[in-house]
């Protein structure tokens, strides 16, 4: 929100480059612990006001639901306002949703966010574990899907399998092309 960042946002907008930012609690680096107020989705207003496409990491889900504020519905309302023109300028990425503490939010995200506003994210190099996605316990994952997930060695592929097993649309992977303008480079 600092005025000093406006030149940076204008440069991103001029070059049609997206801005990736954490939204919701972040514990993977010290600033996320010490300065939680920086992870509030309303802080994206300055970048969006400069016509920057923004990717908000983690769909505003809390890492620790008992400690962190749940903002999924409020963030969706914010996205709805920003994207009301019909063109998505604010995207929510699905990185770190494979984390065991974020699993309870997956059905809500799938039911709330249009898949056209979601983009696949992996949160690499944060490890993507298979064990929390237990069959018949975790959102109707079948034993066959669980075995395929556990046998997948490549962490990017494993994360895609996990998200598909939970019911995310394949379009979340394809949306990266829209956000990153990949068609312009073919």
N, C-alpha and C. Protein backbone atom coordinates (compact mmCIF):
# COMPACT_ATOMS: atom_id res chain seq x y z
N UNK A 1 0.82 -1.20 0.00
CA UNK A 1 0.00 0.00 0.00
C UNK A 1 0.87 1.26 0.00
N UNK A 2 2.14 1.11 0.24
CA UNK A 2 3.05 2.25 0.31
C UNK A 2 3.14 2.94 -1.05
N UNK A 3 3.06 4.25 -1.04
CA UNK A 3 3.15 5.05 -2.27
C UNK A 3 4.46 4.79 -3.03
N UNK A 4 5.51 4.45 -2.30
CA UNK A 4 6.81 4.22 -2.93
C UNK A 4 6.78 3.01 -3.88
N UNK A 5 5.79 2.14 -3.76
CA UNK A 5 5.71 0.96 -4.61
C UNK A 5 4.97 1.23 -5.92
N UNK A 6 4.36 2.39 -6.04
CA UNK A 6 3.54 2.68 -7.21
C UNK A 6 4.34 2.60 -8.52
N UNK A 7 5.57 3.07 -8.51
CA UNK A 7 6.40 3.00 -9.72
C UNK A 7 6.62 1.54 -10.14
N UNK A 8 6.85 0.68 -9.16
CA UNK A 8 7.01 -0.76 -9.42
C UNK A 8 5.74 -1.34 -10.03
N UNK A 9 4.58 -1.02 -9.43
CA UNK A 9 3.32 -1.53 -9.95
C UNK A 9 3.05 -1.02 -11.36
N UNK A 10 3.36 0.25 -11.60
CA UNK A 10 3.17 0.81 -12.95
C UNK A 10 4.06 0.10 -13.97
N UNK A 11 5.27 -0.27 -13.56
CA UNK A 11 6.16 -1.01 -14.47
C UNK A 11 5.60 -2.39 -14.76
N UNK A 12 5.09 -3.07 -13.74
CA UNK A 12 4.46 -4.38 -13.95
C UNK A 12 3.29 -4.25 -14.93
N UNK A 13 2.46 -3.25 -14.71
CA UNK A 13 1.30 -3.04 -15.56
C UNK A 13 1.72 -2.73 -17.00
N UNK A 14 2.73 -1.88 -17.16
CA UNK A 14 3.19 -1.50 -18.50
C UNK A 14 3.73 -2.71 -19.27
N UNK A 15 4.31 -3.66 -18.56
CA UNK A 15 4.87 -4.85 -19.21
C UNK A 15 3.94 -6.05 -19.13
N UNK A 16 2.71 -5.81 -18.61
CA UNK A 16 1.70 -6.85 -18.50
C UNK A 16 2.21 -8.07 -17.72
N UNK A 17 2.92 -7.78 -16.63
CA UNK A 17 3.46 -8.85 -15.79
C UNK A 17 2.63 -8.96 -14.51
N UNK A 18 2.31 -10.16 -14.08
CA UNK A 18 1.53 -10.34 -12.84
C UNK A 18 2.38 -10.15 -11.60
N UNK A 19 1.71 -9.87 -10.51
CA UNK A 19 2.33 -9.70 -9.20
C UNK A 19 1.83 -10.83 -8.31
N UNK A 20 2.73 -11.64 -7.78
CA UNK A 20 2.38 -12.75 -6.89
C UNK A 20 2.62 -12.32 -5.45
N UNK A 21 1.61 -12.50 -4.61
CA UNK A 21 1.70 -12.04 -3.23
C UNK A 21 1.00 -13.03 -2.30
N UNK A 22 1.54 -13.20 -1.10
CA UNK A 22 0.87 -14.02 -0.11
C UNK A 22 -0.38 -13.32 0.40
N UNK A 23 -1.41 -14.09 0.62
CA UNK A 23 -2.64 -13.58 1.21
C UNK A 23 -3.04 -14.59 2.28
N UNK A 24 -3.17 -14.13 3.48
CA UNK A 24 -3.41 -15.01 4.61
C UNK A 24 -2.09 -15.30 5.30
N UNK A 25 -2.18 -15.92 6.43
CA UNK A 25 -0.99 -16.16 7.25
C UNK A 25 0.09 -16.92 6.49
N UNK A 26 1.33 -16.53 6.71
CA UNK A 26 2.47 -17.16 6.06
C UNK A 26 3.57 -17.39 7.09
N UNK A 27 3.98 -18.63 7.25
CA UNK A 27 4.98 -18.97 8.25
C UNK A 27 6.27 -19.52 7.65
N UNK A 28 6.40 -19.49 6.34
CA UNK A 28 7.57 -20.07 5.69
C UNK A 28 8.79 -19.16 5.72
N UNK A 29 8.61 -17.92 6.13
CA UNK A 29 9.72 -16.99 6.24
C UNK A 29 9.46 -16.07 7.44
N UNK A 30 10.50 -15.52 8.04
CA UNK A 30 10.34 -14.75 9.29
C UNK A 30 9.38 -13.57 9.21
N UNK A 31 9.38 -12.83 8.10
CA UNK A 31 8.49 -11.68 7.99
C UNK A 31 7.02 -12.07 8.09
N UNK A 32 6.71 -13.27 7.64
CA UNK A 32 5.33 -13.75 7.73
C UNK A 32 4.88 -13.96 9.16
N UNK A 33 5.82 -14.21 10.03
CA UNK A 33 5.51 -14.40 11.45
C UNK A 33 5.48 -13.05 12.16
N UNK A 34 6.44 -12.20 11.87
CA UNK A 34 6.57 -10.93 12.59
C UNK A 34 5.63 -9.84 12.10
N UNK A 35 5.24 -9.92 10.84
CA UNK A 35 4.44 -8.84 10.25
C UNK A 35 3.19 -9.41 9.58
N UNK A 36 2.35 -10.04 10.36
CA UNK A 36 1.15 -10.69 9.82
C UNK A 36 0.21 -9.71 9.10
N UNK A 37 0.25 -8.45 9.49
CA UNK A 37 -0.63 -7.45 8.87
C UNK A 37 -0.33 -7.27 7.38
N UNK A 38 0.85 -7.67 6.94
CA UNK A 38 1.20 -7.53 5.53
C UNK A 38 0.47 -8.54 4.65
N UNK A 39 -0.06 -9.60 5.23
CA UNK A 39 -0.71 -10.66 4.47
C UNK A 39 -2.21 -10.44 4.27
N UNK A 40 -2.70 -9.25 4.61
CA UNK A 40 -4.12 -8.95 4.47
C UNK A 40 -4.45 -8.65 3.01
N UNK A 41 -5.47 -9.30 2.48
CA UNK A 41 -5.79 -9.18 1.05
C UNK A 41 -6.11 -7.76 0.61
N UNK A 42 -6.60 -6.92 1.50
CA UNK A 42 -6.92 -5.54 1.13
C UNK A 42 -5.65 -4.75 0.77
N UNK A 43 -4.48 -5.24 1.18
CA UNK A 43 -3.22 -4.59 0.81
C UNK A 43 -2.96 -4.67 -0.69
N UNK A 44 -3.72 -5.46 -1.41
CA UNK A 44 -3.54 -5.60 -2.84
C UNK A 44 -4.20 -4.46 -3.62
N UNK A 45 -4.96 -3.62 -2.95
CA UNK A 45 -5.70 -2.55 -3.62
C UNK A 45 -4.79 -1.62 -4.41
N UNK A 46 -3.63 -1.29 -3.90
CA UNK A 46 -2.71 -0.38 -4.58
C UNK A 46 -2.26 -0.98 -5.92
N UNK A 47 -1.82 -2.23 -5.91
CA UNK A 47 -1.38 -2.88 -7.14
C UNK A 47 -2.54 -2.99 -8.13
N UNK A 48 -3.71 -3.38 -7.65
CA UNK A 48 -4.87 -3.51 -8.52
C UNK A 48 -5.29 -2.15 -9.07
N UNK A 49 -5.14 -1.10 -8.27
CA UNK A 49 -5.44 0.25 -8.71
C UNK A 49 -4.51 0.73 -9.81
N UNK A 50 -3.34 0.12 -9.90
CA UNK A 50 -2.37 0.44 -10.97
C UNK A 50 -2.54 -0.50 -12.16
N UNK A 51 -3.65 -1.21 -12.21
CA UNK A 51 -4.00 -2.14 -13.30
C UNK A 51 -3.06 -3.33 -13.43
N UNK A 52 -2.54 -3.78 -12.31
CA UNK A 52 -1.68 -4.97 -12.29
C UNK A 52 -2.56 -6.19 -12.10
N UNK A 53 -2.26 -7.27 -12.82
CA UNK A 53 -2.89 -8.56 -12.55
C UNK A 53 -2.19 -9.13 -11.32
N UNK A 54 -2.96 -9.57 -10.36
CA UNK A 54 -2.41 -10.04 -9.09
C UNK A 54 -2.78 -11.50 -8.86
N UNK A 55 -1.80 -12.27 -8.42
CA UNK A 55 -2.03 -13.66 -8.02
C UNK A 55 -1.90 -13.70 -6.50
N UNK A 56 -2.97 -14.04 -5.82
CA UNK A 56 -2.99 -14.10 -4.36
C UNK A 56 -2.79 -15.56 -3.93
N UNK A 57 -1.68 -15.81 -3.28
CA UNK A 57 -1.33 -17.17 -2.89
C UNK A 57 -2.27 -17.73 -1.82
N UNK A 58 -2.56 -18.99 -1.93
CA UNK A 58 -3.24 -19.81 -0.92
C UNK A 58 -4.74 -19.53 -0.74
N UNK A 59 -5.35 -18.77 -1.63
CA UNK A 59 -6.80 -18.50 -1.54
C UNK A 59 -7.21 -17.92 -0.18
N UNK A 60 -6.29 -17.24 0.48
CA UNK A 60 -6.54 -16.62 1.79
C UNK A 60 -6.88 -17.63 2.88
N UNK A 61 -6.42 -18.86 2.72
CA UNK A 61 -6.69 -19.87 3.75
C UNK A 61 -5.68 -19.74 4.90
N UNK A 62 -6.10 -20.03 6.10
CA UNK A 62 -5.17 -19.98 7.23
C UNK A 62 -4.28 -21.22 7.27
N UNK A 63 -3.08 -21.04 7.79
CA UNK A 63 -2.18 -22.18 7.99
C UNK A 63 -2.64 -22.96 9.21
N UNK A 64 -2.91 -22.23 10.28
CA UNK A 64 -3.36 -22.84 11.53
C UNK A 64 -4.75 -22.28 11.84
N UNK A 65 -5.81 -22.99 11.47
CA UNK A 65 -7.17 -22.46 11.62
C UNK A 65 -7.54 -22.05 13.04
N UNK A 66 -6.92 -22.62 14.04
CA UNK A 66 -7.23 -22.26 15.42
C UNK A 66 -6.62 -20.90 15.77
N UNK A 67 -5.47 -20.58 15.18
CA UNK A 67 -4.74 -19.35 15.49
C UNK A 67 -5.03 -18.24 14.48
N UNK A 68 -5.03 -18.59 13.20
CA UNK A 68 -5.13 -17.61 12.13
C UNK A 68 -6.58 -17.34 11.76
N UNK A 69 -6.84 -16.10 11.36
CA UNK A 69 -8.18 -15.72 10.95
C UNK A 69 -8.54 -16.36 9.61
N UNK A 70 -9.73 -16.88 9.53
CA UNK A 70 -10.25 -17.45 8.28
C UNK A 70 -10.85 -16.31 7.46
N UNK A 71 -10.34 -16.12 6.23
CA UNK A 71 -10.79 -15.01 5.39
C UNK A 71 -11.27 -15.46 4.02
N UNK A 72 -11.55 -16.73 3.83
CA UNK A 72 -11.87 -17.25 2.51
C UNK A 72 -13.09 -16.54 1.91
N UNK A 73 -14.18 -16.45 2.62
CA UNK A 73 -15.41 -15.83 2.10
C UNK A 73 -15.20 -14.34 1.84
N UNK A 74 -14.53 -13.65 2.77
CA UNK A 74 -14.28 -12.22 2.60
C UNK A 74 -13.38 -11.97 1.39
N UNK A 75 -12.38 -12.83 1.22
CA UNK A 75 -11.48 -12.69 0.08
C UNK A 75 -12.24 -12.93 -1.22
N UNK A 76 -13.12 -13.92 -1.23
CA UNK A 76 -13.93 -14.16 -2.42
C UNK A 76 -14.76 -12.92 -2.77
N UNK A 77 -15.38 -12.28 -1.79
CA UNK A 77 -16.16 -11.07 -2.05
C UNK A 77 -15.29 -9.97 -2.65
N UNK A 78 -14.08 -9.84 -2.14
CA UNK A 78 -13.12 -8.87 -2.67
C UNK A 78 -12.80 -9.20 -4.13
N UNK A 79 -12.53 -10.48 -4.40
CA UNK A 79 -12.24 -10.92 -5.77
C UNK A 79 -13.42 -10.63 -6.70
N UNK A 80 -14.60 -10.89 -6.21
CA UNK A 80 -15.81 -10.69 -7.01
C UNK A 80 -15.92 -9.21 -7.43
N UNK A 81 -15.65 -8.31 -6.51
CA UNK A 81 -15.68 -6.88 -6.84
C UNK A 81 -14.61 -6.52 -7.86
N UNK A 82 -13.39 -7.01 -7.63
CA UNK A 82 -12.27 -6.68 -8.51
C UNK A 82 -12.50 -7.24 -9.92
N UNK A 83 -13.05 -8.44 -10.00
CA UNK A 83 -13.23 -9.11 -11.29
C UNK A 83 -14.62 -8.88 -11.91
N UNK A 84 -15.34 -7.90 -11.40
CA UNK A 84 -16.72 -7.68 -11.84
C UNK A 84 -16.85 -7.25 -13.30
N UNK A 85 -15.76 -6.76 -13.90
CA UNK A 85 -15.82 -6.33 -15.29
C UNK A 85 -15.89 -7.51 -16.26
N UNK A 86 -15.68 -8.70 -15.76
CA UNK A 86 -15.70 -9.90 -16.61
C UNK A 86 -14.31 -10.42 -16.93
N UNK A 87 -13.30 -9.57 -16.80
CA UNK A 87 -11.92 -10.00 -17.02
C UNK A 87 -11.24 -10.18 -15.67
N UNK A 88 -10.69 -11.36 -15.45
CA UNK A 88 -10.02 -11.62 -14.18
C UNK A 88 -8.72 -10.82 -14.09
N UNK A 89 -8.62 -10.01 -13.04
CA UNK A 89 -7.39 -9.28 -12.75
C UNK A 89 -6.79 -9.75 -11.42
N UNK A 90 -7.65 -10.37 -10.61
CA UNK A 90 -7.20 -10.92 -9.33
C UNK A 90 -7.44 -12.42 -9.38
N UNK A 91 -6.38 -13.16 -9.22
CA UNK A 91 -6.40 -14.62 -9.26
C UNK A 91 -6.06 -15.16 -7.88
N UNK A 92 -6.59 -16.30 -7.53
CA UNK A 92 -6.22 -16.99 -6.29
C UNK A 92 -5.48 -18.26 -6.69
N UNK A 93 -4.32 -18.47 -6.10
CA UNK A 93 -3.60 -19.69 -6.47
C UNK A 93 -3.82 -20.77 -5.42
N UNK A 94 -3.62 -21.99 -5.85
CA UNK A 94 -3.93 -23.16 -5.02
C UNK A 94 -2.69 -23.74 -4.34
N UNK A 95 -1.63 -22.94 -4.27
CA UNK A 95 -0.42 -23.46 -3.63
C UNK A 95 -0.67 -23.70 -2.15
N UNK A 96 -0.01 -24.69 -1.64
CA UNK A 96 -0.04 -25.08 -0.22
C UNK A 96 -1.39 -25.57 0.27
N UNK A 97 -2.34 -25.78 -0.62
CA UNK A 97 -3.62 -26.34 -0.18
C UNK A 97 -3.49 -27.83 0.12
N UNK A 98 -2.38 -28.43 -0.27
CA UNK A 98 -2.13 -29.84 0.04
C UNK A 98 -1.63 -30.01 1.47
N UNK A 99 -1.32 -28.91 2.12
CA UNK A 99 -0.87 -28.94 3.52
C UNK A 99 -2.01 -29.46 4.39
N UNK A 100 -1.69 -30.34 5.32
CA UNK A 100 -2.73 -31.00 6.11
C UNK A 100 -3.66 -30.01 6.83
N UNK A 101 -3.13 -28.89 7.31
CA UNK A 101 -3.98 -27.94 8.03
C UNK A 101 -4.89 -27.12 7.12
N UNK A 102 -4.61 -27.15 5.81
CA UNK A 102 -5.46 -26.41 4.87
C UNK A 102 -6.48 -27.33 4.17
N UNK A 103 -6.35 -28.62 4.34
CA UNK A 103 -7.26 -29.56 3.69
C UNK A 103 -8.74 -29.28 3.98
N UNK A 104 -9.11 -28.91 5.20
CA UNK A 104 -10.53 -28.69 5.46
C UNK A 104 -11.15 -27.58 4.61
N UNK A 105 -10.34 -26.70 4.03
CA UNK A 105 -10.86 -25.58 3.26
C UNK A 105 -11.06 -25.89 1.78
N UNK A 106 -10.55 -27.03 1.33
CA UNK A 106 -10.64 -27.35 -0.10
C UNK A 106 -12.08 -27.40 -0.60
N UNK A 107 -13.00 -28.08 0.07
CA UNK A 107 -14.39 -28.09 -0.45
C UNK A 107 -14.98 -26.68 -0.52
N UNK A 108 -14.69 -25.86 0.46
CA UNK A 108 -15.20 -24.48 0.46
C UNK A 108 -14.63 -23.69 -0.72
N UNK A 109 -13.36 -23.87 -1.00
CA UNK A 109 -12.73 -23.16 -2.11
C UNK A 109 -13.34 -23.61 -3.43
N UNK A 110 -13.50 -24.92 -3.60
CA UNK A 110 -14.08 -25.45 -4.84
C UNK A 110 -15.52 -24.95 -5.01
N UNK A 111 -16.27 -24.90 -3.91
CA UNK A 111 -17.67 -24.46 -3.98
C UNK A 111 -17.80 -22.94 -4.11
N UNK A 112 -16.82 -22.19 -3.67
CA UNK A 112 -16.92 -20.73 -3.63
C UNK A 112 -16.30 -20.04 -4.84
N UNK A 113 -15.08 -20.40 -5.17
CA UNK A 113 -14.34 -19.70 -6.22
C UNK A 113 -14.62 -20.29 -7.60
N UNK A 114 -14.96 -19.45 -8.57
CA UNK A 114 -15.09 -19.98 -9.94
C UNK A 114 -13.72 -20.47 -10.41
N UNK A 115 -13.69 -21.59 -11.07
CA UNK A 115 -12.40 -22.14 -11.52
C UNK A 115 -11.67 -21.18 -12.46
N UNK A 116 -12.42 -20.26 -13.11
CA UNK A 116 -11.77 -19.28 -13.99
C UNK A 116 -10.91 -18.28 -13.24
N UNK A 117 -11.07 -18.22 -11.92
CA UNK A 117 -10.29 -17.28 -11.11
C UNK A 117 -9.19 -17.98 -10.32
N UNK A 118 -9.08 -19.29 -10.47
CA UNK A 118 -8.07 -20.05 -9.75
C UNK A 118 -6.92 -20.43 -10.68
N UNK A 119 -5.73 -20.42 -10.14
CA UNK A 119 -4.55 -20.84 -10.90
C UNK A 119 -3.76 -21.81 -10.03
N UNK A 120 -3.27 -22.86 -10.68
CA UNK A 120 -2.50 -23.86 -9.95
C UNK A 120 -1.20 -23.26 -9.43
N UNK A 121 -0.89 -23.55 -8.19
CA UNK A 121 0.38 -23.18 -7.59
C UNK A 121 0.86 -24.34 -6.74
N UNK A 122 2.16 -24.51 -6.63
CA UNK A 122 2.70 -25.66 -5.90
C UNK A 122 3.36 -25.29 -4.58
N UNK A 123 3.79 -24.06 -4.42
CA UNK A 123 4.54 -23.58 -3.26
C UNK A 123 5.92 -24.25 -3.17
N UNK A 124 6.43 -24.73 -4.29
CA UNK A 124 7.77 -25.31 -4.34
C UNK A 124 8.77 -24.27 -3.85
N UNK A 125 9.71 -24.61 -3.01
CA UNK A 125 10.21 -25.93 -2.64
C UNK A 125 9.61 -26.52 -1.37
N UNK A 126 8.53 -25.93 -0.85
CA UNK A 126 7.88 -26.52 0.32
C UNK A 126 7.42 -27.92 -0.08
N UNK A 127 7.76 -28.94 0.70
CA UNK A 127 7.42 -30.32 0.32
C UNK A 127 5.91 -30.55 0.22
N UNK A 128 5.53 -31.40 -0.70
CA UNK A 128 4.13 -31.76 -0.91
C UNK A 128 3.96 -33.21 -0.45
N UNK A 129 3.35 -33.39 0.71
CA UNK A 129 3.19 -34.71 1.29
C UNK A 129 1.94 -35.41 0.78
N UNK A 130 2.03 -36.72 0.68
CA UNK A 130 0.90 -37.54 0.26
C UNK A 130 0.05 -37.98 1.45
N UNK A 131 0.68 -38.18 2.59
CA UNK A 131 0.01 -38.84 3.71
C UNK A 131 -1.29 -38.18 4.18
N UNK A 132 -1.46 -36.84 4.11
CA UNK A 132 -2.72 -36.29 4.64
C UNK A 132 -3.95 -36.60 3.80
N UNK A 133 -3.76 -37.11 2.60
CA UNK A 133 -4.87 -37.28 1.67
C UNK A 133 -5.42 -38.71 1.72
N UNK A 134 -5.81 -39.11 2.89
CA UNK A 134 -6.26 -40.48 3.14
C UNK A 134 -7.53 -40.81 2.38
N UNK A 135 -7.59 -42.00 1.79
CA UNK A 135 -8.78 -42.38 1.03
C UNK A 135 -10.01 -42.49 1.92
N UNK A 136 -11.13 -42.09 1.36
CA UNK A 136 -12.44 -42.17 1.98
C UNK A 136 -12.57 -41.30 3.23
N UNK A 137 -11.52 -40.61 3.62
CA UNK A 137 -11.55 -39.71 4.77
C UNK A 137 -11.45 -38.27 4.27
N UNK A 138 -10.58 -38.06 3.32
CA UNK A 138 -10.28 -36.72 2.84
C UNK A 138 -11.02 -36.44 1.55
N UNK A 139 -12.19 -35.85 1.64
CA UNK A 139 -12.94 -35.36 0.49
C UNK A 139 -13.12 -36.42 -0.61
N UNK A 140 -13.47 -37.61 -0.22
CA UNK A 140 -13.82 -38.68 -1.17
C UNK A 140 -12.68 -39.15 -2.07
N UNK A 141 -11.46 -39.01 -1.63
CA UNK A 141 -10.35 -39.56 -2.41
C UNK A 141 -10.44 -41.08 -2.33
N UNK A 142 -10.35 -41.72 -3.48
CA UNK A 142 -10.47 -43.17 -3.53
C UNK A 142 -9.13 -43.82 -3.19
N UNK A 143 -9.14 -45.08 -2.78
CA UNK A 143 -7.88 -45.78 -2.52
C UNK A 143 -6.97 -45.79 -3.75
N UNK A 144 -7.56 -45.93 -4.93
CA UNK A 144 -6.75 -45.95 -6.17
C UNK A 144 -6.06 -44.61 -6.38
N UNK A 145 -6.79 -43.50 -6.15
CA UNK A 145 -6.19 -42.18 -6.30
C UNK A 145 -5.06 -41.98 -5.28
N UNK A 146 -5.31 -42.44 -4.06
CA UNK A 146 -4.31 -42.30 -3.01
C UNK A 146 -3.02 -43.06 -3.36
N UNK A 147 -3.17 -44.25 -3.86
CA UNK A 147 -1.99 -45.05 -4.26
C UNK A 147 -1.24 -44.33 -5.39
N UNK A 148 -1.97 -43.82 -6.38
CA UNK A 148 -1.30 -43.07 -7.47
C UNK A 148 -0.57 -41.84 -6.93
N UNK A 149 -1.20 -41.14 -6.01
CA UNK A 149 -0.57 -39.95 -5.41
C UNK A 149 0.71 -40.36 -4.69
N UNK A 150 0.64 -41.39 -3.86
CA UNK A 150 1.81 -41.83 -3.08
C UNK A 150 2.95 -42.33 -3.96
N UNK A 151 2.62 -42.91 -5.10
CA UNK A 151 3.65 -43.45 -5.99
C UNK A 151 4.26 -42.39 -6.92
N UNK A 152 3.69 -41.23 -6.95
CA UNK A 152 4.19 -40.17 -7.83
C UNK A 152 5.42 -39.53 -7.19
N UNK A 153 6.54 -39.70 -7.81
CA UNK A 153 7.82 -39.20 -7.27
C UNK A 153 8.01 -37.71 -7.48
N UNK A 154 7.64 -37.22 -8.67
CA UNK A 154 7.83 -35.81 -8.98
C UNK A 154 6.84 -34.97 -8.17
N UNK A 155 7.34 -34.05 -7.36
CA UNK A 155 6.46 -33.30 -6.45
C UNK A 155 5.47 -32.41 -7.19
N UNK A 156 5.83 -31.87 -8.36
CA UNK A 156 4.88 -31.08 -9.14
C UNK A 156 3.73 -31.95 -9.63
N UNK A 157 4.07 -33.13 -10.17
CA UNK A 157 3.03 -34.05 -10.64
C UNK A 157 2.16 -34.53 -9.47
N UNK A 158 2.79 -34.79 -8.32
CA UNK A 158 2.04 -35.23 -7.14
C UNK A 158 1.02 -34.17 -6.73
N UNK A 159 1.44 -32.92 -6.75
CA UNK A 159 0.54 -31.84 -6.36
C UNK A 159 -0.65 -31.73 -7.33
N UNK A 160 -0.40 -31.89 -8.62
CA UNK A 160 -1.48 -31.86 -9.61
C UNK A 160 -2.44 -33.03 -9.36
N UNK A 161 -1.91 -34.23 -9.10
CA UNK A 161 -2.76 -35.40 -8.81
C UNK A 161 -3.62 -35.16 -7.56
N UNK A 162 -3.01 -34.58 -6.55
CA UNK A 162 -3.74 -34.30 -5.31
C UNK A 162 -4.91 -33.35 -5.59
N UNK A 163 -4.64 -32.30 -6.32
CA UNK A 163 -5.69 -31.31 -6.58
C UNK A 163 -6.80 -31.89 -7.45
N UNK A 164 -6.43 -32.70 -8.42
CA UNK A 164 -7.46 -33.35 -9.25
C UNK A 164 -8.29 -34.31 -8.42
N UNK A 165 -7.63 -35.06 -7.52
CA UNK A 165 -8.35 -36.01 -6.68
C UNK A 165 -9.33 -35.31 -5.74
N UNK A 166 -9.00 -34.10 -5.35
CA UNK A 166 -9.89 -33.32 -4.47
C UNK A 166 -11.03 -32.66 -5.24
N UNK A 167 -10.95 -32.66 -6.58
CA UNK A 167 -12.04 -32.13 -7.37
C UNK A 167 -11.79 -30.78 -8.02
N UNK A 168 -10.57 -30.28 -7.97
CA UNK A 168 -10.28 -29.03 -8.68
C UNK A 168 -10.36 -29.27 -10.18
N UNK A 169 -10.87 -28.30 -10.88
CA UNK A 169 -10.98 -28.38 -12.34
C UNK A 169 -9.58 -28.34 -12.97
N UNK A 170 -9.41 -29.04 -14.07
CA UNK A 170 -8.13 -29.00 -14.80
C UNK A 170 -7.83 -27.59 -15.31
N UNK A 171 -8.84 -26.76 -15.39
CA UNK A 171 -8.64 -25.40 -15.89
C UNK A 171 -7.71 -24.58 -15.00
N UNK A 172 -7.56 -24.97 -13.74
CA UNK A 172 -6.67 -24.19 -12.87
C UNK A 172 -5.23 -24.27 -13.37
N UNK A 173 -4.88 -25.36 -14.04
CA UNK A 173 -3.54 -25.50 -14.62
C UNK A 173 -3.46 -24.66 -15.90
N UNK A 174 -4.50 -24.72 -16.69
CA UNK A 174 -4.54 -23.97 -17.94
C UNK A 174 -4.59 -22.46 -17.71
N UNK A 175 -5.13 -22.03 -16.59
CA UNK A 175 -5.23 -20.60 -16.31
C UNK A 175 -3.88 -19.92 -16.20
N UNK A 176 -2.85 -20.67 -15.89
CA UNK A 176 -1.50 -20.08 -15.82
C UNK A 176 -1.14 -19.44 -17.15
N UNK A 177 -1.59 -20.04 -18.23
CA UNK A 177 -1.33 -19.49 -19.57
C UNK A 177 -1.93 -18.09 -19.71
N UNK A 178 -3.11 -17.89 -19.14
CA UNK A 178 -3.77 -16.59 -19.21
C UNK A 178 -3.05 -15.56 -18.35
N UNK A 179 -2.68 -15.96 -17.15
CA UNK A 179 -2.04 -15.03 -16.22
C UNK A 179 -0.65 -14.66 -16.71
N UNK A 180 0.07 -15.64 -17.20
CA UNK A 180 1.46 -15.41 -17.61
C UNK A 180 1.61 -15.03 -19.08
N UNK A 181 0.49 -14.94 -19.81
CA UNK A 181 0.48 -14.53 -21.21
C UNK A 181 1.35 -15.44 -22.08
N UNK A 182 1.31 -16.72 -21.87
CA UNK A 182 2.18 -17.65 -22.60
C UNK A 182 1.88 -17.69 -24.09
N UNK A 183 0.66 -17.42 -24.49
CA UNK A 183 0.32 -17.43 -25.91
C UNK A 183 1.11 -16.37 -26.67
N UNK A 184 1.47 -15.29 -26.00
CA UNK A 184 2.22 -14.21 -26.64
C UNK A 184 3.62 -14.63 -27.04
N UNK A 185 4.11 -15.74 -26.47
CA UNK A 185 5.50 -16.16 -26.71
C UNK A 185 5.58 -17.39 -27.58
N UNK A 186 4.48 -17.85 -28.15
CA UNK A 186 4.52 -19.06 -28.98
C UNK A 186 4.77 -18.71 -30.42
